[in-house]
Amino acid sequence: MMGDGALSQDEINALLSGNNLGEVSEENGITDSQLNKIKELFKTAATSLGNVMSSMAGPDVAVKLLGAGISSKEELLGALEDKVFDITVNYSGDVNGGHYFLINESDALAFGSLLVGQPIDSVDGEVESAFSELFSQFTGGMVTIISMQTGKNFSPVAANAQLADKGLSRIPGAFIELKYEVTFDDKQFILYEIFDEYVAGSFENNQNEGSSVKMSDSNQFSGGAGKGQTPNVQGVQFPNLTAGGGSSENHNISLLMNVQMELTVELGRAKWQIKDILGLGEGTIIELDKLAGEPVDILVNHNLIARGEVVVIDENFGVRVTEIISGMDKFAGNN
């Protein structure tokens, strides 16, 4: 790897040809199949990370995957500054091991200024909390996708961030490395995502092989998924529904008697940066994304089912349903 964190021409050629950035060694415990599994599961990582960064720091943050490969601590340290921002994410459940993010100190200061909404010249508790929240949100979203893919039940513990000398960073001797280019304003920096052999092994041992949900093909990793990994999805035939359930309907409704369902009426939404949320106080007006008089959304368990208008009944607010959202509308994404 080059000292400035950029990819050399040989590494770029290796990516274009589908090869790994590093060589597989029998001594480091990392295998080709583990690398391929990480690539398969994290196809949408760059998009997800960009969305989280944009929501917390601003709308102009772009993230691009540069490559994925097997690397060593010695190789990585050669590409880092003397001090690095080290973010660790632990898991509870079916996945165990080390999952890390590394950012050079100068890059962490530049992006940290964007997160906290003011220029900073040192990493303090506020900056650490902002980065911890950012990567907690990112890993939380990815865990949901990966759990659906693999059938594994696991969840992330809150991310922990610290500034450290690069030689004291909490990364293992050998690992799988994903390398991202993050662009904001007129600046760019390299973000390293690290998986040790235990996390890689947990993902490789798929408990639900053959029944995974196919993810988007956008932001494909170098090499892509191996043959035979695309699930075989078949349609399901349902019987036609007839009017009047009679005693059968009364019997089946009992299946839902103990199912909790939450009905929510949503007036609108707003997207704020952390610096604006920290400035909230009494009297603050939050502008929503709906105009006065527009229908409000009615959701059951966070799923849109209808729209309506706000009414006053005696001294209470109510909602008169004006539109039922059909299944086809939901499928077409018109909600």
C-alpha atoms as a PDB file:
ATOM      1  CA  MET A   1       0.000   0.000   0.000  1.00  0.00           C
ATOM      2  CA  MET A   2       1.136   3.534  -0.682  1.00  0.00           C
ATOM      3  CA  GLY A   3       2.124   5.750   2.209  1.00  0.00           C
ATOM      4  CA  ASP A   4      -0.530   8.413   1.533  1.00  0.00           C
ATOM      5  CA  GLY A   5      -3.384   5.931   1.823  1.00  0.00           C
ATOM      6  CA  ALA A   6      -4.117   5.939  -1.932  1.00  0.00           C
ATOM      7  CA  LEU A   7      -4.252   2.827  -4.089  1.00  0.00           C
ATOM      8  CA  SER A   8      -1.293   2.129  -6.339  1.00  0.00           C
ATOM      9  CA  GLN A   9      -1.820   1.368 -10.024  1.00  0.00           C
ATOM     10  CA  ASP A  10      -1.069  -2.305  -9.367  1.00  0.00           C
ATOM     11  CA  GLU A  11      -3.736  -2.412  -6.680  1.00  0.00           C
ATOM     12  CA  ILE A  12      -6.245  -0.680  -8.975  1.00  0.00           C
ATOM     13  CA  ASN A  13      -5.475  -3.231 -11.693  1.00  0.00           C
ATOM     14  CA  ALA A  14      -5.966  -6.021  -9.168  1.00  0.00           C
ATOM     15  CA  LEU A  15      -9.364  -4.621  -8.230  1.00  0.00           C
ATOM     16  CA  LEU A  16     -10.461  -4.331 -11.850  1.00  0.00           C
ATOM     17  CA  SER A  17      -9.448  -7.927 -12.479  1.00  0.00           C
ATOM     18  CA  GLY A  18     -11.343  -9.158  -9.415  1.00  0.00           C
ATOM     19  CA  ASN A  19      -8.300 -10.069  -7.324  1.00  0.00           C
ATOM     20  CA  ASN A  20      -7.839  -9.377  -3.608  1.00  0.00           C
ATOM     21  CA  LEU A  21      -5.692  -6.553  -2.271  1.00  0.00           C
ATOM     22  CA  GLY A  22      -3.733  -8.949  -0.116  1.00  0.00           C
ATOM     23  CA  GLU A  23      -2.561 -12.518  -0.321  1.00  0.00           C
ATOM     24  CA  VAL A  24      -4.147 -15.276   1.716  1.00  0.00           C
ATOM     25  CA  SER A  25      -1.773 -16.706   4.285  1.00  0.00           C
ATOM     26  CA  GLU A  26      -2.357 -19.933   6.136  1.00  0.00           C
ATOM     27  CA  GLU A  27      -0.804 -18.317   9.197  1.00  0.00           C
ATOM     28  CA  ASN A  28      -3.220 -15.373   9.546  1.00  0.00           C
ATOM     29  CA  GLY A  29      -6.377 -17.446   9.809  1.00  0.00           C
ATOM     30  CA  ILE A  30      -8.204 -15.497   7.067  1.00  0.00           C
ATOM     31  CA  THR A  31      -9.504 -17.440   4.067  1.00  0.00           C
ATOM     32  CA  ASP A  32     -10.702 -16.589   0.579  1.00  0.00           C
ATOM     33  CA  SER A  33     -14.208 -17.775   1.391  1.00  0.00           C
ATOM     34  CA  GLN A  34     -14.395 -15.478   4.432  1.00  0.00           C
ATOM     35  CA  LEU A  35     -13.341 -12.514   2.293  1.00  0.00           C
ATOM     36  CA  ASN A  36     -15.968 -13.372  -0.331  1.00  0.00           C
ATOM     37  CA  LYS A  37     -18.640 -13.645   2.361  1.00  0.00           C
ATOM     38  CA  ILE A  38     -17.789 -10.169   3.698  1.00  0.00           C
ATOM     39  CA  LYS A  39     -17.955  -8.798   0.144  1.00  0.00           C
ATOM     40  CA  GLU A  40     -21.352 -10.407  -0.386  1.00  0.00           C
ATOM     41  CA  LEU A  41     -22.845  -9.177   2.881  1.00  0.00           C
ATOM     42  CA  PHE A  42     -21.496  -5.626   2.656  1.00  0.00           C
ATOM     43  CA  LYS A  43     -22.503  -4.856  -0.939  1.00  0.00           C
ATOM     44  CA  THR A  44     -24.545  -1.842   0.158  1.00  0.00           C
ATOM     45  CA  ALA A  45     -22.145  -0.642   2.876  1.00  0.00           C
ATOM     46  CA  ALA A  46     -20.895   2.425   0.990  1.00  0.00           C
ATOM     47  CA  THR A  47     -24.427   3.611   0.245  1.00  0.00           C
ATOM     48  CA  SER A  48     -25.590   2.993   3.820  1.00  0.00           C
ATOM     49  CA  LEU A  49     -22.557   4.747   5.303  1.00  0.00           C
ATOM     50  CA  GLY A  50     -23.014   7.721   2.985  1.00  0.00           C
ATOM     51  CA  ASN A  51     -26.668   8.051   3.997  1.00  0.00           C
ATOM     52  CA  VAL A  52     -25.824   8.020   7.709  1.00  0.00           C
ATOM     53  CA  MET A  53     -22.986  10.511   7.294  1.00  0.00           C
ATOM     54  CA  SER A  54     -25.187  12.828   5.243  1.00  0.00           C
ATOM     55  CA  SER A  55     -28.004  12.720   7.778  1.00  0.00           C
ATOM     56  CA  MET A  56     -25.659  13.607  10.634  1.00  0.00           C
ATOM     57  CA  ALA A  57     -23.158  15.945   8.991  1.00  0.00           C
ATOM     58  CA  GLY A  58     -24.841  17.405   5.928  1.00  0.00           C
ATOM     59  CA  PRO A  59     -26.310  16.452   2.546  1.00  0.00           C
ATOM     60  CA  ASP A  60     -23.058  16.593   0.554  1.00  0.00           C
ATOM     61  CA  VAL A  61     -21.185  13.590   1.999  1.00  0.00           C
ATOM     62  CA  ALA A  62     -20.347  10.909  -0.583  1.00  0.00           C
ATOM     63  CA  VAL A  63     -18.822   7.514   0.170  1.00  0.00           C
ATOM     64  CA  LYS A  64     -17.189   5.249  -2.428  1.00  0.00           C
ATOM     65  CA  LEU A  65     -15.756   1.794  -1.872  1.00  0.00           C
ATOM     66  CA  LEU A  66     -12.165   1.598  -3.110  1.00  0.00           C
ATOM     67  CA  GLY A  67     -11.546  -2.081  -2.466  1.00  0.00           C
ATOM     68  CA  ALA A  68     -11.706  -5.085  -0.176  1.00  0.00           C
ATOM     69  CA  GLY A  69      -8.902  -7.489   0.644  1.00  0.00           C
ATOM     70  CA  ILE A  70      -6.923  -9.434   3.198  1.00  0.00           C
ATOM     71  CA  SER A  71      -4.288  -7.302   4.920  1.00  0.00           C
ATOM     72  CA  SER A  72      -2.042  -7.179   7.977  1.00  0.00           C
ATOM     73  CA  LYS A  73      -1.473  -4.677  10.764  1.00  0.00           C
ATOM     74  CA  GLU A  74       2.043  -3.968   9.492  1.00  0.00           C
ATOM     75  CA  GLU A  75       0.737  -3.041   6.026  1.00  0.00           C
ATOM     76  CA  LEU A  76      -1.997  -0.805   7.395  1.00  0.00           C
ATOM     77  CA  LEU A  77       0.228   1.025   9.871  1.00  0.00           C
ATOM     78  CA  GLY A  78       2.462   2.060   6.995  1.00  0.00           C
ATOM     79  CA  ALA A  79      -0.446   3.957   5.409  1.00  0.00           C
ATOM     80  CA  LEU A  80      -1.574   5.741   8.607  1.00  0.00           C
ATOM     81  CA  GLU A  81      -0.533   8.905  10.401  1.00  0.00           C
ATOM     82  CA  ASP A  82       1.145   8.675  13.809  1.00  0.00           C
ATOM     83  CA  LYS A  83      -2.235   9.135  15.529  1.00  0.00           C
ATOM     84  CA  VAL A  84      -5.495   7.573  14.401  1.00  0.00           C
ATOM     85  CA  PHE A  85      -9.108   7.742  15.461  1.00  0.00           C
ATOM     86  CA  ASP A  86     -10.026   4.198  16.424  1.00  0.00           C
ATOM     87  CA  ILE A  87     -13.714   3.191  16.570  1.00  0.00           C
ATOM     88  CA  THR A  88     -14.566  -0.278  17.873  1.00  0.00           C
ATOM     89  CA  VAL A  89     -17.941  -2.020  17.515  1.00  0.00           C
ATOM     90  CA  ASN A  90     -18.637  -5.171  19.521  1.00  0.00           C
ATOM     91  CA  TYR A  91     -21.546  -7.565  19.009  1.00  0.00           C
ATOM     92  CA  SER A  92     -23.723  -9.722  21.218  1.00  0.00           C
ATOM     93  CA  GLY A  93     -25.388 -12.877  19.932  1.00  0.00           C
ATOM     94  CA  ASP A  94     -24.376 -15.187  17.104  1.00  0.00           C
ATOM     95  CA  VAL A  95     -21.515 -12.991  15.816  1.00  0.00           C
ATOM     96  CA  ASN A  96     -18.365 -12.409  17.857  1.00  0.00           C
ATOM     97  CA  GLY A  97     -14.986 -10.839  17.277  1.00  0.00           C
ATOM     98  CA  GLY A  98     -13.440  -7.490  16.412  1.00  0.00           C
ATOM     99  CA  HIS A  99     -14.992  -4.928  14.071  1.00  0.00           C
ATOM    100  CA  TYR A 100     -13.119  -1.625  13.770  1.00  0.00           C
ATOM    101  CA  PHE A 101     -13.001   1.658  11.867  1.00  0.00           C
ATOM    102  CA  LEU A 102      -9.819   3.736  11.509  1.00  0.00           C
ATOM    103  CA  ILE A 103      -9.449   7.387  10.446  1.00  0.00           C
ATOM    104  CA  ASN A 104      -6.283   9.475  10.455  1.00  0.00           C
ATOM    105  CA  GLU A 105      -6.304  12.153  13.166  1.00  0.00           C
ATOM    106  CA  SER A 106      -6.251  15.082  10.716  1.00  0.00           C
ATOM    107  CA  ASP A 107      -9.211  13.614   8.804  1.00  0.00           C
ATOM    108  CA  ALA A 108     -11.105  12.942  12.030  1.00  0.00           C
ATOM    109  CA  LEU A 109     -10.648  16.597  13.044  1.00  0.00           C
ATOM    110  CA  ALA A 110     -11.922  17.856   9.672  1.00  0.00           C
ATOM    111  CA  PHE A 111     -14.963  15.610   9.593  1.00  0.00           C
ATOM    112  CA  GLY A 112     -15.527  15.971  13.342  1.00  0.00           C
ATOM    113  CA  SER A 113     -15.887  19.736  12.835  1.00  0.00           C
ATOM    114  CA  LEU A 114     -18.727  18.982  10.436  1.00  0.00           C
ATOM    115  CA  LEU A 115     -20.385  16.621  12.912  1.00  0.00           C
ATOM    116  CA  VAL A 116     -20.329  18.999  15.884  1.00  0.00           C
ATOM    117  CA  GLY A 117     -21.037  22.099  13.805  1.00  0.00           C
ATOM    118  CA  GLN A 118     -17.953  24.125  14.687  1.00  0.00           C
ATOM    119  CA  PRO A 119     -14.196  24.100  13.986  1.00  0.00           C
ATOM    120  CA  ILE A 120     -12.165  21.894  16.343  1.00  0.00           C
ATOM    121  CA  ASP A 121      -8.431  21.515  16.837  1.00  0.00           C
ATOM    122  CA  SER A 122      -8.451  18.479  19.139  1.00  0.00           C
ATOM    123  CA  VAL A 123     -10.491  15.337  19.670  1.00  0.00           C
ATOM    124  CA  ASP A 124     -12.569  15.708  22.836  1.00  0.00           C
ATOM    125  CA  GLY A 125     -15.485  13.903  24.417  1.00  0.00           C
ATOM    126  CA  GLU A 126     -18.044  15.622  22.181  1.00  0.00           C
ATOM    127  CA  VAL A 127     -16.219  14.527  19.036  1.00  0.00           C
ATOM    128  CA  GLU A 128     -15.834  10.970  20.324  1.00  0.00           C
ATOM    129  CA  SER A 129     -19.560  10.838  21.128  1.00  0.00           C
ATOM    130  CA  ALA A 130     -20.461  12.132  17.658  1.00  0.00           C
ATOM    131  CA  PHE A 131     -18.318   9.499  15.909  1.00  0.00           C
ATOM    132  CA  SER A 132     -19.611   6.774  18.236  1.00  0.00           C
ATOM    133  CA  GLU A 133     -23.201   7.713  17.365  1.00  0.00           C
ATOM    134  CA  LEU A 134     -22.415   7.810  13.642  1.00  0.00           C
ATOM    135  CA  PHE A 135     -20.913   4.321  13.520  1.00  0.00           C
ATOM    136  CA  SER A 136     -23.519   2.919  15.923  1.00  0.00           C
ATOM    137  CA  GLN A 137     -26.213   4.020  13.468  1.00  0.00           C
ATOM    138  CA  PHE A 138     -24.337   2.608  10.501  1.00  0.00           C
ATOM    139  CA  THR A 139     -23.605  -0.784  12.067  1.00  0.00           C
ATOM    140  CA  GLY A 140     -27.143  -0.976  13.454  1.00  0.00           C
ATOM    141  CA  GLY A 141     -28.573  -0.659   9.950  1.00  0.00           C
ATOM    142  CA  MET A 142     -26.120  -3.139   8.463  1.00  0.00           C
ATOM    143  CA  VAL A 143     -26.802  -5.669  11.237  1.00  0.00           C
ATOM    144  CA  THR A 144     -30.490  -5.629  10.316  1.00  0.00           C
ATOM    145  CA  ILE A 145     -29.675  -6.405   6.671  1.00  0.00           C
ATOM    146  CA  ILE A 146     -27.095  -9.069   7.532  1.00  0.00           C
ATOM    147  CA  SER A 147     -29.413 -10.764  10.022  1.00  0.00           C
ATOM    148  CA  MET A 148     -31.973 -11.146   7.227  1.00  0.00           C
ATOM    149  CA  GLN A 149     -29.275 -12.462   4.902  1.00  0.00           C
ATOM    150  CA  THR A 150     -27.759 -15.032   7.234  1.00  0.00           C
ATOM    151  CA  GLY A 151     -30.474 -15.908   9.744  1.00  0.00           C
ATOM    152  CA  LYS A 152     -28.096 -14.997  12.577  1.00  0.00           C
ATOM    153  CA  ASN A 153     -29.471 -13.249  15.627  1.00  0.00           C
ATOM    154  CA  PHE A 154     -27.025 -10.592  16.825  1.00  0.00           C
ATOM    155  CA  SER A 155     -26.925  -6.925  17.709  1.00  0.00           C
ATOM    156  CA  PRO A 156     -24.204  -4.259  18.016  1.00  0.00           C
ATOM    157  CA  VAL A 157     -23.088  -2.800  21.319  1.00  0.00           C
ATOM    158  CA  ALA A 158     -22.681   0.989  21.206  1.00  0.00           C
ATOM    159  CA  ALA A 159     -19.546   1.969  19.287  1.00  0.00           C
ATOM    160  CA  ASN A 160     -16.555   3.157  21.281  1.00  0.00           C
ATOM    161  CA  ALA A 161     -14.223   5.804  19.792  1.00  0.00           C
ATOM    162  CA  GLN A 162     -10.778   6.930  20.941  1.00  0.00           C
ATOM    163  CA  LEU A 163      -7.702   8.749  19.639  1.00  0.00           C
ATOM    164  CA  ALA A 164      -4.535   6.672  19.959  1.00  0.00           C
ATOM    165  CA  ASP A 165      -1.036   6.211  18.630  1.00  0.00           C
ATOM    166  CA  LYS A 166      -1.356   4.013  15.571  1.00  0.00           C
ATOM    167  CA  GLY A 167       0.825   1.324  17.124  1.00  0.00           C
ATOM    168  CA  LEU A 168      -1.621   1.095  20.031  1.00  0.00           C
ATOM    169  CA  SER A 169      -4.769   0.911  17.917  1.00  0.00           C
ATOM    170  CA  ARG A 170      -7.055  -2.002  18.716  1.00  0.00           C
ATOM    171  CA  ILE A 171      -6.756  -3.869  15.418  1.00  0.00           C
ATOM    172  CA  PRO A 172      -5.614  -7.511  15.096  1.00  0.00           C
ATOM    173  CA  GLY A 173      -2.498  -8.784  13.375  1.00  0.00           C
ATOM    174  CA  ALA A 174      -4.358  -9.957  10.252  1.00  0.00           C
ATOM    175  CA  PHE A 175      -7.800  -9.000   9.039  1.00  0.00           C
ATOM    176  CA  ILE A 176     -10.180  -8.291   6.180  1.00  0.00           C
ATOM    177  CA  GLU A 177     -10.050  -4.633   5.185  1.00  0.00           C
ATOM    178  CA  LEU A 178     -12.680  -2.550   3.403  1.00  0.00           C
ATOM    179  CA  LYS A 179     -11.360   0.790   2.195  1.00  0.00           C
ATOM    180  CA  TYR A 180     -13.672   3.766   1.539  1.00  0.00           C
ATOM    181  CA  GLU A 181     -13.136   7.222   0.088  1.00  0.00           C
ATOM    182  CA  VAL A 182     -15.250   9.823   1.915  1.00  0.00           C
ATOM    183  CA  THR A 183     -15.799  13.171   0.170  1.00  0.00           C
ATOM    184  CA  PHE A 184     -17.348  16.272   1.764  1.00  0.00           C
ATOM    185  CA  ASP A 185     -17.125  19.937   0.805  1.00  0.00           C
ATOM    186  CA  ASP A 186     -13.765  20.108  -1.009  1.00  0.00           C
ATOM    187  CA  LYS A 187     -12.091  17.490   1.191  1.00  0.00           C
ATOM    188  CA  GLN A 188     -11.473  13.760   0.943  1.00  0.00           C
ATOM    189  CA  PHE A 189     -10.228  11.148   3.358  1.00  0.00           C
ATOM    190  CA  ILE A 190      -9.774   7.390   3.573  1.00  0.00           C
ATOM    191  CA  LEU A 191     -11.808   5.333   6.039  1.00  0.00           C
ATOM    192  CA  TYR A 192     -10.717   1.787   6.889  1.00  0.00           C
ATOM    193  CA  GLU A 193     -13.198  -0.843   8.068  1.00  0.00           C
ATOM    194  CA  ILE A 194     -11.623  -3.916   9.681  1.00  0.00           C
ATOM    195  CA  PHE A 195     -12.988  -7.410  10.404  1.00  0.00           C
ATOM    196  CA  ASP A 196     -10.904  -9.932  12.323  1.00  0.00           C
ATOM    197  CA  GLU A 197     -10.960 -13.658  11.559  1.00  0.00           C
ATOM    198  CA  TYR A 198     -13.581 -14.367  14.235  1.00  0.00           C
ATOM    199  CA  VAL A 199     -16.156 -11.969  12.785  1.00  0.00           C
ATOM    200  CA  ALA A 200     -15.330 -13.205   9.283  1.00  0.00           C
ATOM    201  CA  GLY A 201     -15.742 -16.803  10.446  1.00  0.00           C
ATOM    202  CA  SER A 202     -19.079 -16.023  12.108  1.00  0.00           C
ATOM    203  CA  PHE A 203     -20.425 -14.557   8.851  1.00  0.00           C
ATOM    204  CA  GLU A 204     -19.049 -17.433   6.781  1.00  0.00           C
ATOM    205  CA  ASN A 205     -20.843 -20.078   8.846  1.00  0.00           C
ATOM    206  CA  ASN A 206     -24.247 -19.188   7.445  1.00  0.00           C
ATOM    207  CA  GLN A 207     -27.083 -20.671   9.504  1.00  0.00           C
ATOM    208  CA  ASN A 208     -29.655 -19.995   6.806  1.00  0.00           C
ATOM    209  CA  GLU A 209     -27.809 -20.762   3.556  1.00  0.00           C
ATOM    210  CA  GLY A 210     -30.062 -20.932   0.532  1.00  0.00           C
ATOM    211  CA  SER A 211     -32.855 -18.803   2.000  1.00  0.00           C
ATOM    212  CA  SER A 212     -31.125 -15.433   2.069  1.00  0.00           C
ATOM    213  CA  VAL A 213     -32.715 -12.276   0.687  1.00  0.00           C
ATOM    214  CA  LYS A 214     -30.931 -10.878  -2.378  1.00  0.00           C
ATOM    215  CA  MET A 215     -29.548  -7.381  -1.764  1.00  0.00           C
ATOM    216  CA  SER A 216     -29.174  -4.557  -4.254  1.00  0.00           C
ATOM    217  CA  ASP A 217     -26.472  -4.995  -6.877  1.00  0.00           C
ATOM    218  CA  SER A 218     -25.394  -1.356  -6.567  1.00  0.00           C
ATOM    219  CA  ASN A 219     -21.896  -0.620  -5.249  1.00  0.00           C
ATOM    220  CA  GLN A 220     -20.595  -4.090  -6.120  1.00  0.00           C
ATOM    221  CA  PHE A 221     -17.368  -5.164  -4.473  1.00  0.00           C
ATOM    222  CA  SER A 222     -14.367  -6.277  -6.457  1.00  0.00           C
ATOM    223  CA  GLY A 223     -14.734  -9.927  -7.310  1.00  0.00           C
ATOM    224  CA  GLY A 224     -18.460  -9.979  -6.430  1.00  0.00           C
ATOM    225  CA  ALA A 225     -20.298 -12.942  -4.983  1.00  0.00           C
ATOM    226  CA  GLY A 226     -19.414 -16.434  -6.093  1.00  0.00           C
ATOM    227  CA  LYS A 227     -21.533 -18.548  -8.386  1.00  0.00           C
ATOM    228  CA  GLY A 228     -24.520 -20.255  -6.868  1.00  0.00           C
ATOM    229  CA  GLN A 229     -25.014 -17.618  -4.169  1.00  0.00           C
ATOM    230  CA  THR A 230     -28.039 -15.948  -5.775  1.00  0.00           C
ATOM    231  CA  PRO A 231     -31.150 -17.299  -4.005  1.00  0.00           C
ATOM    232  CA  ASN A 232     -33.815 -19.104  -5.943  1.00  0.00           C
ATOM    233  CA  VAL A 233     -36.933 -16.994  -5.365  1.00  0.00           C
ATOM    234  CA  GLN A 234     -40.292 -18.510  -6.301  1.00  0.00           C
ATOM    235  CA  GLY A 235     -43.764 -17.034  -6.248  1.00  0.00           C
ATOM    236  CA  VAL A 236     -46.324 -18.202  -3.720  1.00  0.00           C
ATOM    237  CA  GLN A 237     -49.870 -19.041  -4.774  1.00  0.00           C
ATOM    238  CA  PHE A 238     -52.602 -17.920  -2.390  1.00  0.00           C
ATOM    239  CA  PRO A 239     -56.250 -18.994  -2.579  1.00  0.00           C
ATOM    240  CA  ASN A 240     -58.841 -16.377  -3.559  1.00  0.00           C
ATOM    241  CA  LEU A 241     -60.544 -14.655  -0.656  1.00  0.00           C
ATOM    242  CA  THR A 242     -64.312 -14.894  -0.483  1.00  0.00           C
ATOM    243  CA  ALA A 243     -66.747 -12.607   1.256  1.00  0.00           C
ATOM    244  CA  GLY A 244     -68.163 -13.721   4.575  1.00  0.00           C
ATOM    245  CA  GLY A 245     -65.889 -15.795   6.731  1.00  0.00           C
ATOM    246  CA  GLY A 246     -68.628 -17.191   8.967  1.00  0.00           C
ATOM    247  CA  SER A 247     -67.443 -19.214  11.925  1.00  0.00           C
ATOM    248  CA  SER A 248     -64.053 -19.763  10.265  1.00  0.00           C
ATOM    249  CA  GLU A 249     -63.356 -16.014  10.308  1.00  0.00           C
ATOM    250  CA  ASN A 250     -64.364 -15.757  13.964  1.00  0.00           C
ATOM    251  CA  HIS A 251     -62.080 -18.643  14.751  1.00  0.00           C
ATOM    252  CA  ASN A 252     -59.047 -17.257  12.881  1.00  0.00           C
ATOM    253  CA  ILE A 253     -59.308 -13.771  14.376  1.00  0.00           C
ATOM    254  CA  SER A 254     -58.426 -15.298  17.730  1.00  0.00           C
ATOM    255  CA  LEU A 255     -54.888 -15.824  16.392  1.00  0.00           C
ATOM    256  CA  LEU A 256     -54.366 -12.066  16.629  1.00  0.00           C
ATOM    257  CA  MET A 257     -55.845 -11.527  20.079  1.00  0.00           C
ATOM    258  CA  ASN A 258     -52.435 -11.238  21.794  1.00  0.00           C
ATOM    259  CA  VAL A 259     -50.604  -9.448  18.976  1.00  0.00           C
ATOM    260  CA  GLN A 260     -49.729  -5.878  19.926  1.00  0.00           C
ATOM    261  CA  MET A 261     -50.218  -3.290  17.168  1.00  0.00           C
ATOM    262  CA  GLU A 262     -49.338   0.372  17.466  1.00  0.00           C
ATOM    263  CA  LEU A 263     -51.444   2.961  15.624  1.00  0.00           C
ATOM    264  CA  THR A 264     -49.565   6.205  14.907  1.00  0.00           C
ATOM    265  CA  VAL A 265     -50.667   9.426  13.242  1.00  0.00           C
ATOM    266  CA  GLU A 266     -47.735  11.288  11.704  1.00  0.00           C
ATOM    267  CA  LEU A 267     -48.120  15.021  11.090  1.00  0.00           C
ATOM    268  CA  GLY A 268     -44.817  15.254   9.204  1.00  0.00           C
ATOM    269  CA  ARG A 269     -41.081  14.778   9.414  1.00  0.00           C
ATOM    270  CA  ALA A 270     -37.973  16.935   9.649  1.00  0.00           C
ATOM    271  CA  LYS A 271     -34.283  16.149   9.141  1.00  0.00           C
ATOM    272  CA  TRP A 272     -31.884  18.069  11.367  1.00  0.00           C
ATOM    273  CA  GLN A 273     -28.150  17.991  11.886  1.00  0.00           C
ATOM    274  CA  ILE A 274     -26.794  17.221  15.345  1.00  0.00           C
ATOM    275  CA  LYS A 275     -25.635  20.803  15.835  1.00  0.00           C
ATOM    276  CA  ASP A 276     -29.224  22.028  15.303  1.00  0.00           C
ATOM    277  CA  ILE A 277     -30.703  19.427  17.663  1.00  0.00           C
ATOM    278  CA  LEU A 278     -28.278  20.488  20.373  1.00  0.00           C
ATOM    279  CA  GLY A 279     -29.632  24.018  20.009  1.00  0.00           C
ATOM    280  CA  LEU A 280     -33.258  23.031  20.726  1.00  0.00           C
ATOM    281  CA  GLY A 281     -34.957  24.926  23.511  1.00  0.00           C
ATOM    282  CA  GLU A 282     -38.338  26.115  24.667  1.00  0.00           C
ATOM    283  CA  GLY A 283     -40.052  28.063  21.923  1.00  0.00           C
ATOM    284  CA  THR A 284     -38.098  26.430  19.093  1.00  0.00           C
ATOM    285  CA  ILE A 285     -40.238  25.920  15.993  1.00  0.00           C
ATOM    286  CA  ILE A 286     -39.630  22.745  13.986  1.00  0.00           C
ATOM    287  CA  GLU A 287     -40.729  23.023  10.372  1.00  0.00           C
ATOM    288  CA  LEU A 288     -42.177  19.775   9.012  1.00  0.00           C
ATOM    289  CA  ASP A 289     -42.188  18.522   5.439  1.00  0.00           C
ATOM    290  CA  LYS A 290     -45.969  18.886   5.043  1.00  0.00           C
ATOM    291  CA  LEU A 291     -48.022  21.942   4.175  1.00  0.00           C
ATOM    292  CA  ALA A 292     -50.905  23.114   6.342  1.00  0.00           C
ATOM    293  CA  GLY A 293     -54.062  21.254   5.358  1.00  0.00           C
ATOM    294  CA  GLU A 294     -52.251  18.287   3.789  1.00  0.00           C
ATOM    295  CA  PRO A 295     -53.462  14.815   4.804  1.00  0.00           C
ATOM    296  CA  VAL A 296     -51.654  13.218   7.738  1.00  0.00           C
ATOM    297  CA  ASP A 297     -50.234   9.688   7.557  1.00  0.00           C
ATOM    298  CA  ILE A 298     -51.783   6.855   9.549  1.00  0.00           C
ATOM    299  CA  LEU A 299     -49.372   4.009  10.355  1.00  0.00           C
ATOM    300  CA  VAL A 300     -49.767   0.631  12.022  1.00  0.00           C
ATOM    301  CA  ASN A 301     -46.508  -0.740  13.416  1.00  0.00           C
ATOM    302  CA  HIS A 302     -44.691   1.967  11.400  1.00  0.00           C
ATOM    303  CA  ASN A 303     -46.304   0.838   8.113  1.00  0.00           C
ATOM    304  CA  LEU A 304     -48.418   3.354   6.179  1.00  0.00           C
ATOM    305  CA  ILE A 305     -52.005   2.088   5.805  1.00  0.00           C
ATOM    306  CA  ALA A 306     -54.093   5.236   5.291  1.00  0.00           C
ATOM    307  CA  ARG A 307     -54.217   9.031   5.172  1.00  0.00           C
ATOM    308  CA  GLY A 308     -56.674  11.362   6.812  1.00  0.00           C
ATOM    309  CA  GLU A 309     -57.524  14.845   8.018  1.00  0.00           C
ATOM    310  CA  VAL A 310     -57.302  16.152  11.572  1.00  0.00           C
ATOM    311  CA  VAL A 311     -60.641  16.900  13.254  1.00  0.00           C
ATOM    312  CA  VAL A 312     -61.705  18.006  16.728  1.00  0.00           C
ATOM    313  CA  ILE A 313     -64.179  15.822  18.600  1.00  0.00           C
ATOM    314  CA  ASP A 314     -65.446  17.612  21.709  1.00  0.00           C
ATOM    315  CA  GLU A 315     -62.111  18.581  23.314  1.00  0.00           C
ATOM    316  CA  ASN A 316     -60.006  15.844  21.712  1.00  0.00           C
ATOM    317  CA  PHE A 317     -58.155  15.637  18.441  1.00  0.00           C
ATOM    318  CA  GLY A 318     -59.120  12.921  15.990  1.00  0.00           C
ATOM    319  CA  VAL A 319     -58.366  11.842  12.435  1.00  0.00           C
ATOM    320  CA  ARG A 320     -60.983  11.227   9.757  1.00  0.00           C
ATOM    321  CA  VAL A 321     -59.732   8.613   7.284  1.00  0.00           C
ATOM    322  CA  THR A 322     -59.892   9.962   3.741  1.00  0.00           C
ATOM    323  CA  GLU A 323     -57.782   7.413   1.862  1.00  0.00           C
ATOM    324  CA  ILE A 324     -56.877   3.748   2.344  1.00  0.00           C
ATOM    325  CA  ILE A 325     -53.468   2.841   0.919  1.00  0.00           C
ATOM    326  CA  SER A 326     -53.853  -0.243  -1.233  1.00  0.00           C
ATOM    327  CA  GLY A 327     -51.332  -3.045  -1.335  1.00  0.00           C
ATOM    328  CA  MET A 328     -50.425  -2.187  -4.930  1.00  0.00           C
ATOM    329  CA  ASP A 329     -49.720   1.434  -3.983  1.00  0.00           C
ATOM    330  CA  LYS A 330     -47.338   0.248  -1.267  1.00  0.00           C
ATOM    331  CA  PHE A 331     -45.650  -2.158  -3.657  1.00  0.00           C
ATOM    332  CA  ALA A 332     -45.184   0.595  -6.243  1.00  0.00           C
ATOM    333  CA  GLY A 333     -43.657   2.870  -3.632  1.00  0.00           C
ATOM    334  CA  ASN A 334     -46.296   5.577  -3.963  1.00  0.00           C
ATOM    335  CA  ASN A 335     -46.632   6.027  -0.207  1.00  0.00           C
END
